[in-house]
N, C-alpha and C. Protein backbone atom coordinates (compact mmCIF):
# COMPACT_ATOMS: atom_id res chain seq x y z
N MET A 1 0.85 -1.17 0.00
CA MET A 1 0.00 0.00 0.00
C MET A 1 0.90 1.24 0.00
N SER A 2 0.53 2.22 -0.78
CA SER A 2 1.34 3.43 -0.88
C SER A 2 1.13 4.31 0.36
N ILE A 3 1.99 5.28 0.49
CA ILE A 3 1.92 6.20 1.64
C ILE A 3 0.61 6.99 1.60
N SER A 4 0.20 7.44 0.41
CA SER A 4 -1.04 8.21 0.33
C SER A 4 -2.25 7.34 0.70
N GLY A 5 -2.20 6.07 0.36
CA GLY A 5 -3.28 5.17 0.74
C GLY A 5 -3.34 4.97 2.24
N GLN A 6 -2.16 4.87 2.87
CA GLN A 6 -2.12 4.72 4.32
C GLN A 6 -2.63 5.97 5.02
N VAL A 7 -2.28 7.13 4.48
CA VAL A 7 -2.75 8.39 5.07
C VAL A 7 -4.26 8.49 4.94
N MET A 8 -4.79 8.14 3.77
CA MET A 8 -6.24 8.18 3.57
C MET A 8 -6.95 7.21 4.52
N PHE A 9 -6.39 6.03 4.70
CA PHE A 9 -6.96 5.05 5.62
C PHE A 9 -6.94 5.60 7.05
N GLY A 10 -5.86 6.24 7.44
CA GLY A 10 -5.76 6.83 8.78
C GLY A 10 -6.79 7.92 8.99
N ILE A 11 -7.01 8.74 7.98
CA ILE A 11 -8.02 9.79 8.08
C ILE A 11 -9.41 9.19 8.24
N LEU A 12 -9.71 8.15 7.47
CA LEU A 12 -11.02 7.50 7.59
C LEU A 12 -11.22 6.85 8.95
N VAL A 13 -10.16 6.29 9.52
CA VAL A 13 -10.26 5.71 10.86
C VAL A 13 -10.56 6.78 11.89
N VAL A 14 -9.88 7.91 11.80
CA VAL A 14 -10.11 9.01 12.73
C VAL A 14 -11.55 9.51 12.61
N ILE A 15 -12.02 9.66 11.38
CA ILE A 15 -13.40 10.11 11.17
C ILE A 15 -14.38 9.10 11.74
N GLY A 16 -14.14 7.84 11.49
CA GLY A 16 -15.08 6.81 11.93
C GLY A 16 -15.14 6.62 13.44
N TYR A 17 -14.00 6.74 14.12
CA TYR A 17 -13.97 6.44 15.55
C TYR A 17 -14.01 7.66 16.46
N LEU A 18 -13.73 8.83 15.94
CA LEU A 18 -13.72 10.02 16.79
C LEU A 18 -14.78 11.04 16.40
N VAL A 19 -14.83 11.37 15.13
CA VAL A 19 -15.73 12.44 14.69
C VAL A 19 -17.18 11.99 14.69
N THR A 20 -17.45 10.78 14.24
CA THR A 20 -18.83 10.31 14.15
C THR A 20 -19.52 10.23 15.51
N PRO A 21 -18.93 9.61 16.54
CA PRO A 21 -19.61 9.62 17.84
C PRO A 21 -19.77 11.02 18.42
N ALA A 22 -18.77 11.87 18.21
CA ALA A 22 -18.88 13.25 18.71
C ALA A 22 -20.02 13.98 18.00
N ALA A 23 -20.18 13.76 16.71
CA ALA A 23 -21.27 14.40 15.98
C ALA A 23 -22.62 13.88 16.43
N LEU A 24 -22.70 12.61 16.76
CA LEU A 24 -23.96 12.04 17.24
C LEU A 24 -24.33 12.63 18.60
N ILE A 25 -23.37 12.74 19.49
CA ILE A 25 -23.63 13.34 20.81
C ILE A 25 -24.00 14.80 20.67
N TRP A 26 -23.30 15.53 19.82
CA TRP A 26 -23.59 16.94 19.59
C TRP A 26 -25.00 17.11 19.01
N GLY A 27 -25.39 16.23 18.10
CA GLY A 27 -26.71 16.31 17.51
C GLY A 27 -27.82 16.07 18.52
N TRP A 28 -27.63 15.06 19.39
CA TRP A 28 -28.63 14.81 20.43
C TRP A 28 -28.71 15.98 21.40
N THR A 29 -27.57 16.58 21.71
CA THR A 29 -27.55 17.74 22.61
C THR A 29 -28.34 18.89 22.01
N ARG A 30 -28.11 19.15 20.74
CA ARG A 30 -28.87 20.22 20.07
C ARG A 30 -30.34 19.88 20.00
N TRP A 31 -30.67 18.62 19.74
CA TRP A 31 -32.06 18.21 19.62
C TRP A 31 -32.81 18.42 20.93
N THR A 32 -32.18 18.09 22.06
CA THR A 32 -32.87 18.20 23.34
C THR A 32 -33.03 19.64 23.81
N HIS A 33 -32.19 20.55 23.31
CA HIS A 33 -32.26 21.94 23.76
C HIS A 33 -33.11 22.82 22.87
N GLN A 34 -33.64 22.31 21.79
CA GLN A 34 -34.49 23.11 20.91
C GLN A 34 -35.94 22.89 21.27
N PRO A 35 -36.78 23.90 20.99
CA PRO A 35 -38.21 23.70 21.23
C PRO A 35 -38.76 22.58 20.34
N LYS A 36 -39.62 21.78 20.89
CA LYS A 36 -40.13 20.62 20.16
C LYS A 36 -41.16 21.07 19.13
N GLN A 37 -40.97 20.62 17.91
CA GLN A 37 -41.89 20.91 16.82
C GLN A 37 -42.42 19.60 16.28
N ARG A 38 -43.58 19.63 15.70
CA ARG A 38 -44.19 18.44 15.13
C ARG A 38 -44.25 18.52 13.61
N THR A 39 -43.20 19.06 13.01
CA THR A 39 -43.17 19.13 11.55
C THR A 39 -42.58 17.83 10.99
N VAL A 40 -42.75 17.65 9.69
CA VAL A 40 -42.24 16.45 9.04
C VAL A 40 -40.72 16.39 9.15
N THR A 41 -40.06 17.51 8.95
CA THR A 41 -38.59 17.50 9.02
C THR A 41 -38.09 17.20 10.42
N ALA A 42 -38.80 17.69 11.45
CA ALA A 42 -38.39 17.40 12.83
C ALA A 42 -38.57 15.92 13.14
N ILE A 43 -39.64 15.33 12.66
CA ILE A 43 -39.88 13.90 12.91
C ILE A 43 -38.85 13.06 12.15
N LEU A 44 -38.53 13.45 10.92
CA LEU A 44 -37.50 12.73 10.16
C LEU A 44 -36.13 12.86 10.81
N SER A 45 -35.84 14.03 11.36
CA SER A 45 -34.58 14.22 12.07
C SER A 45 -34.50 13.33 13.30
N LEU A 46 -35.57 13.27 14.06
CA LEU A 46 -35.60 12.39 15.24
C LEU A 46 -35.44 10.94 14.84
N THR A 47 -36.11 10.53 13.77
CA THR A 47 -35.99 9.16 13.28
C THR A 47 -34.56 8.85 12.87
N GLY A 48 -33.91 9.79 12.21
CA GLY A 48 -32.52 9.59 11.82
C GLY A 48 -31.60 9.45 13.02
N PHE A 49 -31.82 10.28 14.03
CA PHE A 49 -31.01 10.16 15.26
C PHE A 49 -31.24 8.82 15.95
N LEU A 50 -32.48 8.36 15.96
CA LEU A 50 -32.77 7.07 16.58
C LEU A 50 -32.08 5.93 15.84
N PHE A 51 -32.14 5.94 14.52
CA PHE A 51 -31.46 4.90 13.74
C PHE A 51 -29.94 4.98 13.89
N ALA A 52 -29.39 6.18 13.91
CA ALA A 52 -27.95 6.33 14.07
C ALA A 52 -27.49 5.84 15.44
N THR A 53 -28.27 6.15 16.47
CA THR A 53 -27.94 5.69 17.81
C THR A 53 -28.05 4.18 17.92
N ALA A 54 -29.09 3.61 17.33
CA ALA A 54 -29.24 2.15 17.34
C ALA A 54 -28.09 1.49 16.60
N SER A 55 -27.67 2.06 15.49
CA SER A 55 -26.54 1.53 14.74
C SER A 55 -25.26 1.60 15.56
N ALA A 56 -25.06 2.70 16.27
CA ALA A 56 -23.86 2.83 17.10
C ALA A 56 -23.88 1.83 18.25
N VAL A 57 -25.04 1.60 18.84
CA VAL A 57 -25.15 0.63 19.94
C VAL A 57 -24.84 -0.77 19.43
N VAL A 58 -25.35 -1.12 18.26
CA VAL A 58 -25.07 -2.44 17.68
C VAL A 58 -23.58 -2.58 17.38
N ALA A 59 -22.96 -1.53 16.85
CA ALA A 59 -21.55 -1.59 16.53
C ALA A 59 -20.69 -1.77 17.78
N VAL A 60 -20.99 -1.02 18.82
CA VAL A 60 -20.21 -1.11 20.06
C VAL A 60 -20.44 -2.46 20.72
N SER A 61 -21.66 -2.95 20.71
CA SER A 61 -21.92 -4.24 21.36
C SER A 61 -21.32 -5.40 20.57
N SER A 62 -21.21 -5.28 19.26
CA SER A 62 -20.59 -6.36 18.49
C SER A 62 -19.07 -6.40 18.70
N VAL A 63 -18.47 -5.26 18.96
CA VAL A 63 -17.04 -5.22 19.26
C VAL A 63 -16.78 -5.79 20.64
N ALA A 64 -17.66 -5.47 21.57
CA ALA A 64 -17.51 -5.96 22.94
C ALA A 64 -17.83 -7.43 22.98
């Protein structure tokens, strides 16, 4: 594997293991501090957060 390939792989690992969980936590924090709306986009956003959280729980439990 070339050096540029290794660097790209390292960047993807950092994004996958550090940035993604931080973004999920940040998103839930923002979601809980905003006034609750019953619009279609708000419900779709909540659904996306629920699926992302479930996916993260499955990933962590499969590693453990």
